C-alpha atoms as a PDB file:
ATOM      1  CA  MET A   1      17.159 -14.398  -1.943  1.00  0.00           C
ATOM      2  CA  ARG A   2      20.027 -12.041  -2.579  1.00  0.00           C
ATOM      3  CA  SER A   3      22.687 -11.706   0.111  1.00  0.00           C
ATOM      4  CA  ARG A   4      22.808  -8.589   2.271  1.00  0.00           C
ATOM      5  CA  SER A   5      25.909  -6.908   3.611  1.00  0.00           C
ATOM      6  CA  ILE A   6      25.627  -6.257   7.336  1.00  0.00           C
ATOM      7  CA  ALA A   7      28.397  -3.686   7.074  1.00  0.00           C
ATOM      8  CA  ARG A   8      25.849  -1.111   5.964  1.00  0.00           C
ATOM      9  CA  PHE A   9      23.465  -1.692   8.876  1.00  0.00           C
ATOM     10  CA  SER A  10      23.161   0.799  11.680  1.00  0.00           C
ATOM     11  CA  PRO A  11      23.977  -0.604  15.160  1.00  0.00           C
ATOM     12  CA  THR A  12      20.269  -0.672  15.993  1.00  0.00           C
ATOM     13  CA  GLY A  13      19.455  -2.321  12.683  1.00  0.00           C
ATOM     14  CA  LEU A  14      22.168  -4.952  13.155  1.00  0.00           C
ATOM     15  CA  LEU A  15      20.880  -5.796  16.626  1.00  0.00           C
ATOM     16  CA  THR A  16      17.354  -6.098  15.263  1.00  0.00           C
ATOM     17  CA  LEU A  17      18.548  -8.326  12.408  1.00  0.00           C
ATOM     18  CA  LEU A  18      20.389 -10.640  14.804  1.00  0.00           C
ATOM     19  CA  LEU A  19      17.323 -10.868  17.052  1.00  0.00           C
ATOM     20  CA  THR A  20      15.080 -11.493  14.075  1.00  0.00           C
ATOM     21  CA  SER A  21      17.374 -14.182  12.697  1.00  0.00           C
ATOM     22  CA  ALA A  22      17.360 -15.915  16.061  1.00  0.00           C
ATOM     23  CA  ILE A  23      13.619 -15.891  16.573  1.00  0.00           C
ATOM     24  CA  ILE A  24      12.436 -16.472  13.026  1.00  0.00           C
ATOM     25  CA  GLY A  25      14.875 -19.222  12.168  1.00  0.00           C
ATOM     26  CA  ASN A  26      15.344 -19.496   8.416  1.00  0.00           C
ATOM     27  CA  THR A  27      12.804 -16.857   7.365  1.00  0.00           C
ATOM     28  CA  LEU A  28      15.507 -14.617   5.898  1.00  0.00           C
ATOM     29  CA  ALA A  29      16.785 -17.484   3.733  1.00  0.00           C
ATOM     30  CA  GLU A  30      13.371 -18.900   2.812  1.00  0.00           C
ATOM     31  CA  PRO A  31      10.647 -16.378   1.885  1.00  0.00           C
ATOM     32  CA  ILE A  32       7.227 -17.061   3.344  1.00  0.00           C
ATOM     33  CA  ALA A  33       3.680 -17.109   2.012  1.00  0.00           C
ATOM     34  CA  ILE A  34       1.176 -15.570   4.428  1.00  0.00           C
ATOM     35  CA  ALA A  35      -2.415 -16.600   3.737  1.00  0.00           C
ATOM     36  CA  HIS A  36      -4.195 -13.237   3.763  1.00  0.00           C
ATOM     37  CA  ARG A  37      -7.385 -13.756   5.769  1.00  0.00           C
ATOM     38  CA  GLY A  38      -6.974 -17.423   4.830  1.00  0.00           C
ATOM     39  CA  ALA A  39      -7.288 -18.668   1.271  1.00  0.00           C
ATOM     40  CA  SER A  40      -9.568 -15.697   0.662  1.00  0.00           C
ATOM     41  CA  GLY A  41      -9.272 -15.866  -3.117  1.00  0.00           C
ATOM     42  CA  TYR A  42     -11.267 -19.093  -2.965  1.00  0.00           C
ATOM     43  CA  LEU A  43     -13.485 -18.931   0.140  1.00  0.00           C
ATOM     44  CA  PRO A  44     -14.955 -16.058   2.189  1.00  0.00           C
ATOM     45  CA  GLU A  45     -12.297 -14.305   4.238  1.00  0.00           C
ATOM     46  CA  HIS A  46     -11.701 -15.197   7.888  1.00  0.00           C
ATOM     47  CA  THR A  47     -13.967 -18.222   7.836  1.00  0.00           C
ATOM     48  CA  LEU A  48     -12.681 -21.495   9.207  1.00  0.00           C
ATOM     49  CA  PRO A  49     -13.087 -23.162   5.782  1.00  0.00           C
ATOM     50  CA  ALA A  50     -10.803 -20.487   4.286  1.00  0.00           C
ATOM     51  CA  LYS A  51      -8.205 -21.163   6.978  1.00  0.00           C
ATOM     52  CA  ALA A  52      -8.396 -24.927   6.483  1.00  0.00           C
ATOM     53  CA  LEU A  53      -7.903 -24.505   2.738  1.00  0.00           C
ATOM     54  CA  ALA A  54      -4.914 -22.197   3.314  1.00  0.00           C
ATOM     55  CA  HIS A  55      -3.366 -24.881   5.492  1.00  0.00           C
ATOM     56  CA  ALA A  56      -4.030 -27.525   2.835  1.00  0.00           C
ATOM     57  CA  GLN A  57      -2.405 -25.278   0.228  1.00  0.00           C
ATOM     58  CA  GLY A  58       0.780 -25.113   2.284  1.00  0.00           C
ATOM     59  CA  ALA A  59       0.723 -21.542   3.603  1.00  0.00           C
ATOM     60  CA  HIS A  60       3.633 -20.929   5.953  1.00  0.00           C
ATOM     61  CA  PHE A  61       1.571 -18.535   8.078  1.00  0.00           C
ATOM     62  CA  ILE A  62      -2.182 -17.935   8.270  1.00  0.00           C
ATOM     63  CA  GLU A  63      -3.427 -14.447   9.099  1.00  0.00           C
ATOM     64  CA  GLN A  64      -5.907 -13.561  11.840  1.00  0.00           C
ATOM     65  CA  ASP A  65      -7.323 -10.040  12.081  1.00  0.00           C
ATOM     66  CA  VAL A  66      -8.661  -9.705  15.624  1.00  0.00           C
ATOM     67  CA  VAL A  67     -11.274  -7.474  17.248  1.00  0.00           C
ATOM     68  CA  LEU A  68     -13.158  -7.854  20.530  1.00  0.00           C
ATOM     69  CA  SER A  69     -16.769  -8.618  21.308  1.00  0.00           C
ATOM     70  CA  LYS A  70     -18.725  -6.643  23.891  1.00  0.00           C
ATOM     71  CA  ASP A  71     -17.795  -9.222  26.495  1.00  0.00           C
ATOM     72  CA  GLY A  72     -14.103  -9.046  25.590  1.00  0.00           C
ATOM     73  CA  VAL A  73     -13.701 -12.193  23.504  1.00  0.00           C
ATOM     74  CA  PRO A  74     -11.247 -11.960  20.566  1.00  0.00           C
ATOM     75  CA  VAL A  75     -12.998 -12.761  17.284  1.00  0.00           C
ATOM     76  CA  VAL A  76     -11.494 -12.967  13.820  1.00  0.00           C
ATOM     77  CA  LEU A  77     -12.754 -10.151  11.577  1.00  0.00           C
ATOM     78  CA  HIS A  78     -10.954  -7.799   9.242  1.00  0.00           C
ATOM     79  CA  ASP A  79     -13.034  -4.771  10.281  1.00  0.00           C
ATOM     80  CA  ILE A  80     -14.146  -3.402  13.617  1.00  0.00           C
ATOM     81  CA  HIS A  81     -17.638  -3.362  12.121  1.00  0.00           C
ATOM     82  CA  LEU A  82     -19.695  -6.244  10.776  1.00  0.00           C
ATOM     83  CA  GLU A  83     -21.893  -5.293   7.839  1.00  0.00           C
ATOM     84  CA  SER A  84     -19.393  -5.862   5.022  1.00  0.00           C
ATOM     85  CA  THR A  85     -18.858  -9.553   5.724  1.00  0.00           C
ATOM     86  CA  THR A  86     -21.856 -10.744   7.792  1.00  0.00           C
ATOM     87  CA  ASN A  87     -25.654 -10.641   7.771  1.00  0.00           C
ATOM     88  CA  VAL A  88     -25.763  -8.423  10.867  1.00  0.00           C
ATOM     89  CA  ALA A  89     -28.137  -5.859   9.304  1.00  0.00           C
ATOM     90  CA  SER A  90     -30.859  -8.452   8.782  1.00  0.00           C
ATOM     91  CA  MET A  91     -30.256 -10.282  12.056  1.00  0.00           C
ATOM     92  CA  PHE A  92     -30.021  -7.210  14.288  1.00  0.00           C
ATOM     93  CA  PRO A  93     -31.754  -4.271  12.549  1.00  0.00           C
ATOM     94  CA  GLY A  94     -31.541  -1.051  14.487  1.00  0.00           C
ATOM     95  CA  ARG A  95     -28.283  -1.988  16.248  1.00  0.00           C
ATOM     96  CA  SER A  96     -26.037   0.253  14.156  1.00  0.00           C
ATOM     97  CA  ARG A  97     -24.414   3.372  15.572  1.00  0.00           C
ATOM     98  CA  ASP A  98     -25.177   6.856  14.296  1.00  0.00           C
ATOM     99  CA  ASP A  99     -22.585   6.458  11.536  1.00  0.00           C
ATOM    100  CA  GLY A 100     -24.520   3.487  10.114  1.00  0.00           C
ATOM    101  CA  HIS A 101     -21.932   0.868  11.090  1.00  0.00           C
ATOM    102  CA  PHE A 102     -22.617  -2.231  13.179  1.00  0.00           C
ATOM    103  CA  TYR A 103     -19.603  -2.500  15.478  1.00  0.00           C
ATOM    104  CA  ALA A 104     -18.471  -5.906  16.702  1.00  0.00           C
ATOM    105  CA  ILE A 105     -17.743  -4.449  20.126  1.00  0.00           C
ATOM    106  CA  ASP A 106     -21.461  -3.654  20.559  1.00  0.00           C
ATOM    107  CA  PHE A 107     -22.404  -7.349  20.343  1.00  0.00           C
ATOM    108  CA  SER A 108     -21.825 -10.173  22.805  1.00  0.00           C
ATOM    109  CA  LEU A 109     -20.154 -13.346  21.612  1.00  0.00           C
ATOM    110  CA  THR A 110     -23.510 -15.118  21.836  1.00  0.00           C
ATOM    111  CA  GLU A 111     -24.966 -12.549  19.455  1.00  0.00           C
ATOM    112  CA  LEU A 112     -21.988 -12.683  17.112  1.00  0.00           C
ATOM    113  CA  LYS A 113     -22.348 -16.443  16.900  1.00  0.00           C
ATOM    114  CA  GLN A 114     -25.846 -15.966  15.441  1.00  0.00           C
ATOM    115  CA  LEU A 115     -24.340 -14.276  12.385  1.00  0.00           C
ATOM    116  CA  HIS A 116     -23.222 -15.861   9.126  1.00  0.00           C
ATOM    117  CA  ALA A 117     -20.004 -14.739   7.459  1.00  0.00           C
ATOM    118  CA  HIS A 118     -20.096 -14.249   3.695  1.00  0.00           C
ATOM    119  CA  GLU A 119     -17.959 -12.924   0.850  1.00  0.00           C
ATOM    120  CA  ARG A 120     -17.089  -9.229   1.238  1.00  0.00           C
ATOM    121  CA  ARG A 121     -19.747  -6.853  -0.061  1.00  0.00           C
ATOM    122  CA  ASN A 122     -19.744  -3.224  -1.129  1.00  0.00           C
ATOM    123  CA  ALA A 123     -22.141  -0.773   0.499  1.00  0.00           C
ATOM    124  CA  ASP A 124     -24.624  -1.368  -2.342  1.00  0.00           C
ATOM    125  CA  GLY A 125     -24.654  -5.108  -1.694  1.00  0.00           C
ATOM    126  CA  THR A 126     -22.538  -6.143  -4.685  1.00  0.00           C
ATOM    127  CA  ALA A 127     -19.484  -8.358  -4.331  1.00  0.00           C
ATOM    128  CA  VAL A 128     -16.130  -6.616  -3.959  1.00  0.00           C
ATOM    129  CA  PHE A 129     -14.605  -9.455  -6.013  1.00  0.00           C
ATOM    130  CA  PRO A 130     -17.373 -10.582  -8.400  1.00  0.00           C
ATOM    131  CA  ASN A 131     -15.621 -13.750  -9.612  1.00  0.00           C
ATOM    132  CA  ARG A 132     -14.884 -15.163  -6.187  1.00  0.00           C
ATOM    133  CA  PHE A 133     -17.062 -17.356  -3.977  1.00  0.00           C
ATOM    134  CA  PRO A 134     -20.786 -16.602  -4.482  1.00  0.00           C
ATOM    135  CA  LEU A 135     -22.232 -14.106  -2.031  1.00  0.00           C
ATOM    136  CA  GLY A 136     -25.083 -16.225  -0.745  1.00  0.00           C
ATOM    137  CA  PRO A 137     -26.530 -15.911   2.759  1.00  0.00           C
ATOM    138  CA  GLY A 138     -23.270 -16.868   4.475  1.00  0.00           C
ATOM    139  CA  LEU A 139     -20.898 -19.783   4.751  1.00  0.00           C
ATOM    140  CA  SER A 140     -20.112 -20.142   8.449  1.00  0.00           C
ATOM    141  CA  GLN A 141     -20.059 -18.440  11.825  1.00  0.00           C
ATOM    142  CA  VAL A 142     -17.654 -15.702  12.836  1.00  0.00           C
ATOM    143  CA  PRO A 143     -14.802 -17.619  14.510  1.00  0.00           C
ATOM    144  CA  THR A 144     -13.139 -16.710  17.761  1.00  0.00           C
ATOM    145  CA  LEU A 145      -9.360 -16.491  17.872  1.00  0.00           C
ATOM    146  CA  LEU A 146      -9.363 -19.539  20.155  1.00  0.00           C
ATOM    147  CA  GLU A 147     -11.406 -21.573  17.675  1.00  0.00           C
ATOM    148  CA  GLU A 148      -9.066 -20.679  14.846  1.00  0.00           C
ATOM    149  CA  ILE A 149      -5.986 -21.587  16.854  1.00  0.00           C
ATOM    150  CA  GLN A 150      -7.596 -24.905  17.767  1.00  0.00           C
ATOM    151  CA  LEU A 151      -8.222 -25.569  14.061  1.00  0.00           C
ATOM    152  CA  ILE A 152      -4.618 -24.773  13.118  1.00  0.00           C
ATOM    153  CA  ASP A 153      -3.306 -26.815  16.052  1.00  0.00           C
ATOM    154  CA  GLY A 154      -5.368 -29.744  14.874  1.00  0.00           C
ATOM    155  CA  LEU A 155      -4.260 -29.476  11.263  1.00  0.00           C
ATOM    156  CA  ASN A 156      -0.638 -29.055  12.328  1.00  0.00           C
ATOM    157  CA  ARG A 157      -1.021 -32.366  14.148  1.00  0.00           C
ATOM    158  CA  THR A 158      -2.871 -34.347  11.480  1.00  0.00           C
ATOM    159  CA  ARG A 159      -1.133 -33.063   8.352  1.00  0.00           C
ATOM    160  CA  ASP A 160       2.506 -33.180   7.308  1.00  0.00           C
ATOM    161  CA  HIS A 161       2.675 -29.390   7.449  1.00  0.00           C
ATOM    162  CA  LYS A 162       3.097 -26.821  10.208  1.00  0.00           C
ATOM    163  CA  ALA A 163       1.538 -23.374   9.753  1.00  0.00           C
ATOM    164  CA  GLY A 164       2.138 -20.397  12.015  1.00  0.00           C
ATOM    165  CA  LEU A 165      -0.083 -17.542  13.185  1.00  0.00           C
ATOM    166  CA  TYR A 166       0.137 -14.004  11.824  1.00  0.00           C
ATOM    167  CA  ILE A 167      -2.134 -11.906  14.034  1.00  0.00           C
ATOM    168  CA  GLU A 168      -3.160  -8.311  13.406  1.00  0.00           C
ATOM    169  CA  LEU A 169      -4.571  -6.146  16.170  1.00  0.00           C
ATOM    170  CA  LYS A 170      -7.375  -4.220  14.495  1.00  0.00           C
ATOM    171  CA  GLY A 171      -8.263  -0.844  15.959  1.00  0.00           C
ATOM    172  CA  PHE A 172      -6.022  -0.897  19.037  1.00  0.00           C
ATOM    173  CA  ALA A 173      -6.752   2.766  19.872  1.00  0.00           C
ATOM    174  CA  PHE A 174     -10.456   2.277  19.109  1.00  0.00           C
ATOM    175  CA  HIS A 175     -10.690  -0.596  21.579  1.00  0.00           C
ATOM    176  CA  LYS A 176      -8.786   1.389  24.187  1.00  0.00           C
ATOM    177  CA  ALA A 177     -11.296   4.229  23.847  1.00  0.00           C
ATOM    178  CA  GLU A 178     -14.063   1.645  24.349  1.00  0.00           C
ATOM    179  CA  GLY A 179     -12.429   0.445  27.565  1.00  0.00           C
ATOM    180  CA  GLN A 180     -10.943  -2.769  26.151  1.00  0.00           C
ATOM    181  CA  ASP A 181      -7.295  -3.889  26.062  1.00  0.00           C
ATOM    182  CA  LEU A 182      -7.043  -5.710  22.736  1.00  0.00           C
ATOM    183  CA  ALA A 183      -3.319  -6.454  22.969  1.00  0.00           C
ATOM    184  CA  ALA A 184      -3.420  -7.987  26.442  1.00  0.00           C
ATOM    185  CA  THR A 185      -6.482 -10.053  25.563  1.00  0.00           C
ATOM    186  CA  VAL A 186      -4.803 -11.501  22.474  1.00  0.00           C
ATOM    187  CA  LEU A 187      -1.679 -12.377  24.450  1.00  0.00           C
ATOM    188  CA  ASN A 188      -3.841 -14.099  27.063  1.00  0.00           C
ATOM    189  CA  VAL A 189      -5.284 -16.376  24.378  1.00  0.00           C
ATOM    190  CA  LEU A 190      -1.799 -17.107  23.017  1.00  0.00           C
ATOM    191  CA  ASP A 191      -0.611 -17.930  26.530  1.00  0.00           C
ATOM    192  CA  ALA A 192      -3.559 -20.226  27.200  1.00  0.00           C
ATOM    193  CA  THR A 193      -2.983 -22.126  23.949  1.00  0.00           C
ATOM    194  CA  GLY A 194       0.790 -22.455  24.254  1.00  0.00           C
ATOM    195  CA  TRP A 195       1.671 -20.022  21.468  1.00  0.00           C
ATOM    196  CA  ALA A 196       2.801 -17.025  23.553  1.00  0.00           C
ATOM    197  CA  ASP A 197       6.477 -18.000  23.497  1.00  0.00           C
ATOM    198  CA  ARG A 198       6.588 -19.529  20.026  1.00  0.00           C
ATOM    199  CA  SER A 199       8.602 -16.763  18.423  1.00  0.00           C
ATOM    200  CA  ASP A 200       9.411 -19.030  15.484  1.00  0.00           C
ATOM    201  CA  ALA A 201       5.717 -19.486  14.659  1.00  0.00           C
ATOM    202  CA  VAL A 202       3.869 -16.265  15.539  1.00  0.00           C
ATOM    203  CA  TYR A 203       4.003 -12.728  14.186  1.00  0.00           C
ATOM    204  CA  LEU A 204       2.029  -9.832  15.670  1.00  0.00           C
ATOM    205  CA  GLN A 205       1.225  -6.945  13.347  1.00  0.00           C
ATOM    206  CA  SER A 206      -0.474  -3.555  13.467  1.00  0.00           C
ATOM    207  CA  PHE A 207      -0.729  -0.295  11.558  1.00  0.00           C
ATOM    208  CA  GLU A 208      -0.558   1.500  14.914  1.00  0.00           C
ATOM    209  CA  PRO A 209       2.946   2.006  16.375  1.00  0.00           C
ATOM    210  CA  ASP A 210       1.489   2.500  19.840  1.00  0.00           C
ATOM    211  CA  ALA A 211       0.038  -1.015  19.728  1.00  0.00           C
ATOM    212  CA  LEU A 212       3.403  -2.558  18.894  1.00  0.00           C
ATOM    213  CA  ARG A 213       5.299  -0.495  21.448  1.00  0.00           C
ATOM    214  CA  TYR A 214       2.777  -1.520  24.097  1.00  0.00           C
ATOM    215  CA  LEU A 215       3.132  -5.179  23.144  1.00  0.00           C
ATOM    216  CA  ARG A 216       6.911  -4.967  23.484  1.00  0.00           C
ATOM    217  CA  SER A 217       7.454  -2.530  26.362  1.00  0.00           C
ATOM    218  CA  GLY A 218       4.163  -2.643  28.231  1.00  0.00           C
ATOM    219  CA  LEU A 219       3.326  -6.334  27.991  1.00  0.00           C
ATOM    220  CA  GLY A 220       6.822  -7.683  27.470  1.00  0.00           C
ATOM    221  CA  THR A 221       6.128 -10.006  24.563  1.00  0.00           C
ATOM    222  CA  GLN A 222       9.168 -11.349  22.732  1.00  0.00           C
ATOM    223  CA  LEU A 223       7.140 -12.381  19.701  1.00  0.00           C
ATOM    224  CA  PRO A 224       8.294 -10.694  16.464  1.00  0.00           C
ATOM    225  CA  LEU A 225       6.393  -7.514  15.610  1.00  0.00           C
ATOM    226  CA  ILE A 226       5.574  -6.199  12.145  1.00  0.00           C
ATOM    227  CA  GLN A 227       4.782  -2.526  11.503  1.00  0.00           C
ATOM    228  CA  LEU A 228       2.202  -2.325   8.729  1.00  0.00           C
ATOM    229  CA  ILE A 229       2.553   0.724   6.473  1.00  0.00           C
ATOM    230  CA  GLY A 230      -0.486   2.163   4.736  1.00  0.00           C
ATOM    231  CA  GLU A 231      -1.173   5.446   3.009  1.00  0.00           C
ATOM    232  CA  ASN A 232      -2.046   8.608   4.919  1.00  0.00           C
ATOM    233  CA  ASP A 233      -5.231   9.197   2.927  1.00  0.00           C
ATOM    234  CA  TRP A 234      -6.677   5.810   3.931  1.00  0.00           C
ATOM    235  CA  ALA A 235      -7.620   7.499   7.224  1.00  0.00           C
ATOM    236  CA  GLU A 236      -7.944   4.177   9.030  1.00  0.00           C
ATOM    237  CA  ASP A 237      -5.349   4.461  11.734  1.00  0.00           C
ATOM    238  CA  GLY A 238      -5.622   7.763  13.539  1.00  0.00           C
ATOM    239  CA  GLU A 239      -2.741  10.188  13.313  1.00  0.00           C
ATOM    240  CA  VAL A 240      -0.063   7.805  12.000  1.00  0.00           C
ATOM    241  CA  ASP A 241       2.129   9.492   9.370  1.00  0.00           C
ATOM    242  CA  PHE A 242       2.993   6.604   7.065  1.00  0.00           C
ATOM    243  CA  THR A 243       4.917   8.843   4.673  1.00  0.00           C
ATOM    244  CA  ALA A 244       7.312   9.833   7.446  1.00  0.00           C
ATOM    245  CA  MET A 245       7.517   6.198   8.536  1.00  0.00           C
ATOM    246  CA  ARG A 246       9.039   5.300   5.161  1.00  0.00           C
ATOM    247  CA  SER A 247      11.869   7.834   5.595  1.00  0.00           C
ATOM    248  CA  GLU A 248      15.293   6.901   6.945  1.00  0.00           C
ATOM    249  CA  GLU A 249      14.388   8.380  10.318  1.00  0.00           C
ATOM    250  CA  GLY A 250      11.056   6.596  10.273  1.00  0.00           C
ATOM    251  CA  LEU A 251      12.555   3.203   9.493  1.00  0.00           C
ATOM    252  CA  ALA A 252      15.186   3.694  12.193  1.00  0.00           C
ATOM    253  CA  ALA A 253      12.389   4.394  14.680  1.00  0.00           C
ATOM    254  CA  VAL A 254      10.472   1.284  13.584  1.00  0.00           C
ATOM    255  CA  ALA A 255      13.619  -0.826  14.053  1.00  0.00           C
ATOM    256  CA  GLU A 256      13.655   0.198  17.721  1.00  0.00           C
ATOM    257  CA  TYR A 257      10.486  -1.805  18.456  1.00  0.00           C
ATOM    258  CA  ALA A 258       9.677  -4.060  15.476  1.00  0.00           C
ATOM    259  CA  GLN A 259      11.360  -6.809  13.476  1.00  0.00           C
ATOM    260  CA  GLY A 260       9.817  -5.962  10.125  1.00  0.00           C
ATOM    261  CA  ILE A 261       7.502  -3.856   8.011  1.00  0.00           C
ATOM    262  CA  GLY A 262       4.433  -4.751   6.001  1.00  0.00           C
ATOM    263  CA  PRO A 263       4.206  -2.127   3.239  1.00  0.00           C
ATOM    264  CA  TRP A 264       1.478  -1.827   0.628  1.00  0.00           C
ATOM    265  CA  VAL A 265       2.650  -3.454  -2.624  1.00  0.00           C
ATOM    266  CA  MET A 266       2.342  -0.134  -4.461  1.00  0.00           C
ATOM    267  CA  GLN A 267       4.934   1.379  -2.108  1.00  0.00           C
ATOM    268  CA  LEU A 268       7.470  -1.062  -3.573  1.00  0.00           C
ATOM    269  CA  TYR A 269       6.325  -1.478  -7.176  1.00  0.00           C
ATOM    270  CA  LEU A 270       5.508   1.955  -8.619  1.00  0.00           C
ATOM    271  CA  GLY A 271       4.469   0.986 -12.154  1.00  0.00           C
ATOM    272  CA  ARG A 272       6.118   0.682 -15.564  1.00  0.00           C
ATOM    273  CA  GLU A 273       8.505   3.020 -17.329  1.00  0.00           C
ATOM    274  CA  SER A 274       7.632   4.275 -20.804  1.00  0.00           C
ATOM    275  CA  THR A 275      10.453   2.032 -22.020  1.00  0.00           C
ATOM    276  CA  GLY A 276       8.784  -0.988 -20.433  1.00  0.00           C
ATOM    277  CA  GLY A 277      11.029  -1.317 -17.384  1.00  0.00           C
ATOM    278  CA  TYR A 278       9.820  -1.450 -13.801  1.00  0.00           C
ATOM    279  CA  ARG A 279       9.684   1.578 -11.529  1.00  0.00           C
ATOM    280  CA  LEU A 280      10.685   0.316  -8.103  1.00  0.00           C
ATOM    281  CA  SER A 281      11.169   2.150  -4.828  1.00  0.00           C
ATOM    282  CA  ASP A 282      14.156   1.631  -2.545  1.00  0.00           C
ATOM    283  CA  LEU A 283      11.978   1.053   0.525  1.00  0.00           C
ATOM    284  CA  ALA A 284      12.755  -2.661   0.803  1.00  0.00           C
ATOM    285  CA  ARG A 285      16.499  -2.106   0.428  1.00  0.00           C
ATOM    286  CA  ARG A 286      16.523   0.604   3.075  1.00  0.00           C
ATOM    287  CA  ALA A 287      14.363  -1.484   5.426  1.00  0.00           C
ATOM    288  CA  HIS A 288      16.798  -4.384   5.062  1.00  0.00           C
ATOM    289  CA  GLU A 289      19.672  -2.039   5.911  1.00  0.00           C
ATOM    290  CA  HIS A 290      17.881  -1.325   9.179  1.00  0.00           C
ATOM    291  CA  GLY A 291      17.583  -5.066   9.835  1.00  0.00           C
ATOM    292  CA  LEU A 292      13.864  -5.166   9.081  1.00  0.00           C
ATOM    293  CA  LEU A 293      11.998  -7.935   7.306  1.00  0.00           C
ATOM    294  CA  VAL A 294       9.724  -6.865   4.437  1.00  0.00           C
ATOM    295  CA  HIS A 295       6.310  -8.558   4.048  1.00  0.00           C
ATOM    296  CA  PRO A 296       4.179  -6.550   1.569  1.00  0.00           C
ATOM    297  CA  PHE A 297       0.394  -6.782   1.212  1.00  0.00           C
ATOM    298  CA  THR A 298      -1.679  -7.884  -0.687  1.00  0.00           C
ATOM    299  CA  LEU A 299      -1.090 -10.159  -3.698  1.00  0.00           C
ATOM    300  CA  ARG A 300      -4.297 -10.827  -5.631  1.00  0.00           C
ATOM    301  CA  ALA A 301      -4.409 -12.705  -8.916  1.00  0.00           C
ATOM    302  CA  ASP A 302      -7.691 -10.952  -9.740  1.00  0.00           C
ATOM    303  CA  GLN A 303      -6.484  -7.445  -8.844  1.00  0.00           C
ATOM    304  CA  LEU A 304      -3.030  -6.944 -10.327  1.00  0.00           C
ATOM    305  CA  PRO A 305      -1.081  -3.687  -9.979  1.00  0.00           C
ATOM    306  CA  PRO A 306      -1.106  -1.653 -13.202  1.00  0.00           C
ATOM    307  CA  GLY A 307       1.354  -2.663 -15.874  1.00  0.00           C
ATOM    308  CA  LEU A 308       1.764  -6.318 -14.874  1.00  0.00           C
ATOM    309  CA  LYS A 309       0.521  -9.019 -17.213  1.00  0.00           C
ATOM    310  CA  ASP A 310      -0.126 -11.805 -14.703  1.00  0.00           C
ATOM    311  CA  PHE A 311       0.299 -13.078 -11.151  1.00  0.00           C
ATOM    312  CA  GLN A 312       3.590 -14.762 -12.015  1.00  0.00           C
ATOM    313  CA  GLU A 313       5.111 -11.422 -13.017  1.00  0.00           C
ATOM    314  CA  LEU A 314       3.986  -9.844  -9.740  1.00  0.00           C
ATOM    315  CA  HIS A 315       5.792 -12.579  -7.804  1.00  0.00           C
ATOM    316  CA  GLN A 316       8.899 -12.147  -9.946  1.00  0.00           C
ATOM    317  CA  VAL A 317       8.996  -8.402  -9.316  1.00  0.00           C
ATOM    318  CA  LEU A 318       8.587  -8.741  -5.550  1.00  0.00           C
ATOM    319  CA  PHE A 319      10.784 -11.755  -4.863  1.00  0.00           C
ATOM    320  CA  ASP A 320      13.372 -11.623  -7.651  1.00  0.00           C
ATOM    321  CA  ARG A 321      13.766  -7.907  -8.315  1.00  0.00           C
ATOM    322  CA  ILE A 322      12.945  -6.349  -4.936  1.00  0.00           C
ATOM    323  CA  GLY A 323      13.928  -9.203  -2.637  1.00  0.00           C
ATOM    324  CA  VAL A 324      11.044  -9.258  -0.170  1.00  0.00           C
ATOM    325  CA  ASP A 325      11.069 -11.788   2.678  1.00  0.00           C
ATOM    326  CA  GLY A 326       7.441 -12.862   2.317  1.00  0.00           C
ATOM    327  CA  VAL A 327       4.071 -11.698   1.053  1.00  0.00           C
ATOM    328  CA  PHE A 328       0.452 -11.573   2.114  1.00  0.00           C
ATOM    329  CA  THR A 329      -1.456 -13.438  -0.576  1.00  0.00           C
ATOM    330  CA  ASP A 330      -5.129 -14.179  -1.266  1.00  0.00           C
ATOM    331  CA  PHE A 331      -3.999 -17.170  -3.335  1.00  0.00           C
ATOM    332  CA  PRO A 332      -1.553 -19.126  -1.135  1.00  0.00           C
ATOM    333  CA  ASP A 333      -1.321 -22.073  -3.529  1.00  0.00           C
ATOM    334  CA  GLN A 334      -0.073 -19.896  -6.376  1.00  0.00           C
ATOM    335  CA  THR A 335       2.477 -18.116  -4.180  1.00  0.00           C
ATOM    336  CA  ILE A 336       3.704 -21.429  -2.749  1.00  0.00           C
ATOM    337  CA  ALA A 337       4.038 -22.833  -6.288  1.00  0.00           C
ATOM    338  CA  PHE A 338       6.176 -19.848  -7.308  1.00  0.00           C
ATOM    339  CA  LEU A 339       8.451 -20.230  -4.281  1.00  0.00           C
ATOM    340  CA  GLN A 340       8.821 -23.951  -4.906  1.00  0.00           C
ATOM    341  CA  ARG A 341       9.879 -23.302  -8.502  1.00  0.00           C
ATOM    342  CA  LYS A 342      12.481 -20.821  -7.235  1.00  0.00           C
ATOM    343  CA  ARG A 343      14.012 -23.496  -5.005  1.00  0.00           C
ATOM    344  CA  GLN A 344      14.336 -26.044  -7.811  1.00  0.00           C
END
């Protein structure tokens, strides 16, 4: 990891960097591999088998996307709806809303536990990633956040490896409109399991600034917060202006409440020049100048950005050329192998 001059940091950015260094330990010196929805390149996302494999592959952190059931239990799902990754349509026909989606918040935990989680499907029933785990009827149940933490706790005890949690609050504003406090509920689970004060082992992330500000100012958590940065046309996160967030003013505002950003890979790597060189943005450099960590998403060996020949080159661009502090990866073993080679 290249060195960074603190002389160029703003006072707010310097304070954030010092706080981040204190609570994350050696993260700035040692980049991290975040298992994106588990080892999802090999097993269906957000299943306990995928999380166990990610742990076995040496992931530094394992991601949990969290939504709430009707009875307020945090469950681990990437979407606030169920049909893309479970058999909900066949188990509970007629339970969709007018928009055709089956929302997790409309089902009790008992009902959710009757579902089977499977590889992600398109609307037409085909696999999003055709060469990954076979679709099939489903591999396992939808896990609760508590169950996943218990799994990671157990593996951290029985294996010579300690993995942390990297929790995303999915649809914070949506849950609020439904009368549920997603952030407080997640913190309650962390408190009950002894993770609420483990600022060296837990990140909380969201695309929604209001969720992160509420976690920090409203609920008083001292866990490190990561502001995810999408694209405005994804239309997934309300009125958030992600373009403005990437400006100097936007990054300065993020540094007031968060310890890092999670940009889309294509906001850092912009493609190839006609001469063959890389077109890279300065977003990571400017974020570092504000004292912010940079953890881009998502590295996929079977879905490379245009112009890159292989997964190794993608790692080289992000870690060696851009200097990111960690990555979300569907293939934790391959990212870990790259980082180990760098240390040799």
